[in-house]
Amino acid sequence: MDSRKIFINADGASSSRTNASEDTAEFRVVDKRPFAQMDPGAPITEPVEVKPRYPTYVEELMAKVTETERRFSERVKQVDQEIARSKNRLEAEFERRLALAKQDILLPFLDVLDNLERALKAATAGGSKEDLLQGLRMTTGLFRAKLKAHAIEPIEVVNRPFDPNVSRAVGVVPVLESSKDGMVIEEVLPGYRMENSLVRPAQVRVGQYQQDKFNPA
């Protein structure tokens, strides 16, 4: 059987083909959609974020802001470093001045220690009691003079009204006279002040008038 096919041309004429390769027309469909062009075997990647494009003047402003923030951050670091260095210098200077102040205060009292050591040596060598007492009196006077040179003076409290601001009562003493009631009768331990500041309160015994005890009815 003849497999020849008859084709009709556009002008109406007929023709025939006998070539087997020409019997079947080859059609190829190409899908041009973007997702259809991807390789099915290719690994799936994250979508790339597309940054919006700003106008030129906006991008310039953003660049200036970024630069300003960078300079500000650097300046803050510099200021912090300067503050830390200044703090260290001030602390070192304070410690130096404190050490000098301690030396100025303690150095004069070495004279007192020297006198005490001389008195001990004299007593050990067999000196008289009177010589020892004389040395102690001189040392005590010298010590008080050193205290006074630093504005440290004893507080006068005996035969004065008891003042809790400068004295601490450690006992009471019965008194015969009512005028001595509430007065400091005895100083147990002296108190000291430095100018207007209290260094140590005095420990005292205060008079207490007891009429019934001394004048029974």
Protein backbone atom coordinates (compact mmCIF):
# COMPACT_ATOMS: atom_id res chain seq x y z
CA MET A 1 0.00 0.00 0.00
CA ASP A 2 1.35 3.44 -0.96
CA SER A 3 1.90 5.61 2.10
CA ARG A 4 2.28 8.68 -0.02
CA LYS A 5 0.42 11.64 1.37
CA ILE A 6 -1.17 14.35 -0.65
CA PHE A 7 -0.60 17.99 0.42
CA ILE A 8 -2.52 20.90 -0.86
CA ASN A 9 -0.58 24.07 -1.43
CA ALA A 10 -1.86 27.53 -0.80
CA ASP A 11 -2.56 28.00 -4.49
CA GLY A 12 -4.70 24.93 -4.55
CA ALA A 13 -2.20 22.70 -6.30
CA SER A 14 -1.58 19.30 -4.90
CA SER A 15 1.76 17.65 -4.28
CA SER A 16 2.98 14.50 -2.72
CA ARG A 17 5.94 13.47 -0.52
CA THR A 18 7.46 10.08 -0.46
CA ASN A 19 10.36 10.79 2.01
CA ALA A 20 9.56 9.17 5.35
CA SER A 21 11.43 11.87 7.24
CA GLU A 22 9.19 14.45 5.72
CA ASP A 23 6.03 12.57 6.62
CA THR A 24 6.00 13.86 10.19
CA ALA A 25 6.44 17.59 10.99
CA GLU A 26 8.63 18.34 14.03
CA PHE A 27 7.18 20.82 16.57
CA ARG A 28 9.07 22.31 19.53
CA VAL A 29 7.48 24.42 22.20
CA VAL A 30 9.74 26.88 24.07
CA ASP A 31 8.43 28.23 27.42
CA LYS A 32 9.99 31.66 27.94
CA ARG A 33 8.62 32.25 31.42
CA PRO A 34 11.49 32.97 33.92
CA PHE A 35 10.70 30.20 36.36
CA ALA A 36 10.45 27.70 33.54
CA GLN A 37 14.07 28.38 32.49
CA MET A 38 15.48 27.16 35.83
CA ASP A 39 17.38 23.94 35.98
CA PRO A 40 15.23 21.41 37.91
CA GLY A 41 18.40 19.87 39.38
CA ALA A 42 19.90 23.15 40.60
CA PRO A 43 19.90 23.74 44.40
CA ILE A 44 17.31 26.11 45.76
CA THR A 45 18.90 29.33 47.06
CA GLU A 46 17.50 32.12 49.16
CA PRO A 47 15.99 34.97 47.20
CA VAL A 48 18.32 37.92 46.85
CA GLU A 49 17.00 41.02 48.56
CA VAL A 50 16.87 43.87 46.17
CA LYS A 51 17.48 47.13 48.00
CA PRO A 52 15.33 49.98 46.88
CA ARG A 53 17.14 52.68 45.07
CA TYR A 54 16.78 56.14 46.56
CA PRO A 55 17.18 59.43 44.81
CA THR A 56 20.72 60.79 44.72
CA TYR A 57 20.17 63.53 47.30
CA VAL A 58 18.65 61.00 49.73
CA GLU A 59 21.65 58.70 49.34
CA GLU A 60 23.99 61.64 49.96
CA LEU A 61 22.10 62.55 53.13
CA MET A 62 22.22 58.95 54.33
CA ALA A 63 25.98 58.84 53.70
CA LYS A 64 26.46 62.07 55.67
CA VAL A 65 24.40 60.72 58.57
CA THR A 66 26.45 57.51 58.62
CA GLU A 67 29.71 59.48 58.63
CA THR A 68 28.44 61.77 61.39
CA GLU A 69 27.49 58.78 63.54
CA ARG A 70 30.93 57.26 62.99
CA ARG A 71 32.70 60.47 64.00
CA PHE A 72 30.43 60.89 67.03
CA SER A 73 31.18 57.35 68.18
CA GLU A 74 34.91 57.95 67.84
CA ARG A 75 34.64 61.22 69.76
CA VAL A 76 32.73 59.52 72.57
CA LYS A 77 35.51 56.93 72.87
CA GLN A 78 38.12 59.69 72.97
CA VAL A 79 36.23 61.57 75.70
CA ASP A 80 35.88 58.39 77.76
CA GLN A 81 39.60 57.75 77.48
CA GLU A 82 40.42 61.34 78.48
CA ILE A 83 38.12 61.08 81.51
CA ALA A 84 39.78 57.81 82.56
CA ARG A 85 43.25 59.34 82.25
CA SER A 86 42.19 62.44 84.20
CA LYS A 87 40.70 60.27 86.94
CA ASN A 88 43.90 58.28 87.24
CA ARG A 89 45.98 61.46 87.45
CA LEU A 90 43.73 62.94 90.13
CA GLU A 91 43.82 59.75 92.20
CA ALA A 92 47.61 59.57 91.95
CA GLU A 93 47.93 63.24 92.95
CA PHE A 94 45.54 62.75 95.86
CA GLU A 95 47.52 59.77 97.14
CA ARG A 96 50.76 61.74 96.85
CA ARG A 97 49.39 64.71 98.77
CA LEU A 98 47.88 62.43 101.40
CA ALA A 99 51.24 60.75 101.95
CA LEU A 100 52.93 64.15 102.32
CA ALA A 101 50.26 65.30 104.77
CA LYS A 102 50.79 62.18 106.88
CA GLN A 103 54.51 62.85 106.94
CA ASP A 104 53.97 66.46 108.00
CA ILE A 105 51.73 65.34 110.85
CA LEU A 106 53.75 62.38 112.09
CA LEU A 107 57.28 63.73 111.71
CA PRO A 108 57.09 66.19 114.66
CA PHE A 109 55.97 63.40 116.99
CA LEU A 110 59.20 61.55 116.41
CA ASP A 111 60.76 64.08 118.79
CA VAL A 112 58.36 62.89 121.46
CA LEU A 113 59.34 59.29 120.82
CA ASP A 114 63.01 60.20 121.07
CA ASN A 115 62.44 61.79 124.51
CA LEU A 116 60.54 58.74 125.72
CA GLU A 117 63.33 56.43 124.60
CA ARG A 118 65.93 58.60 126.36
CA ALA A 119 63.87 58.50 129.55
CA LEU A 120 63.67 54.70 129.36
CA LYS A 121 67.41 54.43 128.86
CA ALA A 122 68.04 56.70 131.83
CA ALA A 123 65.71 54.64 134.03
CA THR A 124 67.36 51.41 132.89
CA ALA A 125 70.83 52.80 133.59
CA GLY A 126 69.86 53.43 137.21
CA GLY A 127 68.83 57.05 137.09
CA SER A 128 66.95 58.61 139.97
CA LYS A 129 63.19 58.72 140.18
CA GLU A 130 63.24 62.48 140.05
CA ASP A 131 65.23 62.44 136.81
CA LEU A 132 62.73 60.03 135.30
CA LEU A 133 59.79 62.17 136.34
CA GLN A 134 61.48 65.26 134.97
CA GLY A 135 62.01 63.52 131.64
CA LEU A 136 58.38 62.44 131.51
CA ARG A 137 57.20 65.96 132.29
CA MET A 138 59.33 67.37 129.51
CA THR A 139 58.08 64.74 127.08
CA THR A 140 54.46 65.43 128.01
CA GLY A 141 54.95 69.15 127.49
CA LEU A 142 56.62 68.56 124.17
CA PHE A 143 53.78 66.30 123.06
CA ARG A 144 51.17 68.89 123.99
CA ALA A 145 53.11 71.54 122.11
CA LYS A 146 53.13 69.36 118.99
CA LEU A 147 49.38 68.86 119.28
CA LYS A 148 48.80 72.58 119.69
CA ALA A 149 50.91 73.27 116.60
CA HIS A 150 48.33 71.22 114.66
CA ALA A 151 45.44 73.12 116.25
CA ILE A 152 44.58 70.18 118.55
CA GLU A 153 43.80 71.36 122.07
CA PRO A 154 42.22 69.79 125.16
CA ILE A 155 38.62 70.63 126.01
CA GLU A 156 38.06 72.32 129.37
CA VAL A 157 35.15 70.55 131.05
CA VAL A 158 35.83 70.36 134.82
CA ASN A 159 33.62 72.63 136.97
CA ARG A 160 31.51 73.42 133.94
CA PRO A 161 27.97 72.33 133.08
CA PHE A 162 27.86 68.92 131.44
CA ASP A 163 27.69 69.30 127.65
CA PRO A 164 26.82 66.09 125.79
CA ASN A 165 28.21 67.62 122.61
CA VAL A 166 31.77 67.45 123.92
CA SER A 167 31.57 65.06 126.87
CA ARG A 168 30.35 61.57 127.64
CA ALA A 169 29.18 60.82 131.16
CA VAL A 170 30.59 57.60 132.58
CA GLY A 171 29.31 58.06 136.13
CA VAL A 172 27.78 60.40 138.69
CA VAL A 173 29.18 61.91 141.88
CA PRO A 174 26.90 62.87 144.79
CA VAL A 175 27.34 66.53 145.70
CA LEU A 176 26.35 68.57 148.75
CA GLU A 177 25.68 71.82 146.92
CA SER A 178 22.76 72.19 144.60
CA SER A 179 24.82 74.56 142.45
CA LYS A 180 27.07 71.65 141.45
CA ASP A 181 24.18 69.53 140.28
CA GLY A 182 24.76 68.74 136.59
CA MET A 183 28.32 70.06 136.71
CA VAL A 184 31.37 68.06 135.62
CA ILE A 185 33.11 67.06 138.84
CA GLU A 186 35.81 64.75 137.52
CA GLU A 187 37.53 64.21 134.19
CA VAL A 188 38.28 60.53 133.63
CA LEU A 189 39.71 60.96 130.13
CA PRO A 190 40.42 64.32 128.49
CA GLY A 191 38.73 65.30 125.29
CA TYR A 192 40.27 67.14 122.35
CA ARG A 193 39.09 69.37 119.54
CA MET A 194 40.77 70.59 116.39
CA GLU A 195 39.60 74.12 115.78
CA ASN A 196 35.80 73.72 115.64
CA SER A 197 35.78 69.94 115.11
CA LEU A 198 35.55 67.40 117.92
CA VAL A 199 38.45 64.96 117.85
CA ARG A 200 37.50 62.96 120.94
CA PRO A 201 34.83 63.58 123.59
CA ALA A 202 35.89 63.77 127.20
CA GLN A 203 34.84 61.04 129.62
CA VAL A 204 33.57 62.61 132.83
CA ARG A 205 31.67 62.10 136.04
CA VAL A 206 28.80 64.48 136.66
CA GLY A 207 27.63 65.88 139.98
CA GLN A 208 24.22 64.84 141.25
CA TYR A 209 22.65 66.73 144.12
CA GLN A 210 21.13 64.43 146.71
CA GLN A 211 19.64 66.53 149.50
CA ASP A 212 17.93 63.68 151.32
CA LYS A 213 21.15 61.68 151.55
CA PHE A 214 23.25 64.43 153.12
CA ASN A 215 20.54 66.26 155.00
CA PRO A 216 18.18 63.67 156.37
CA ALA A 217 15.02 64.98 157.89
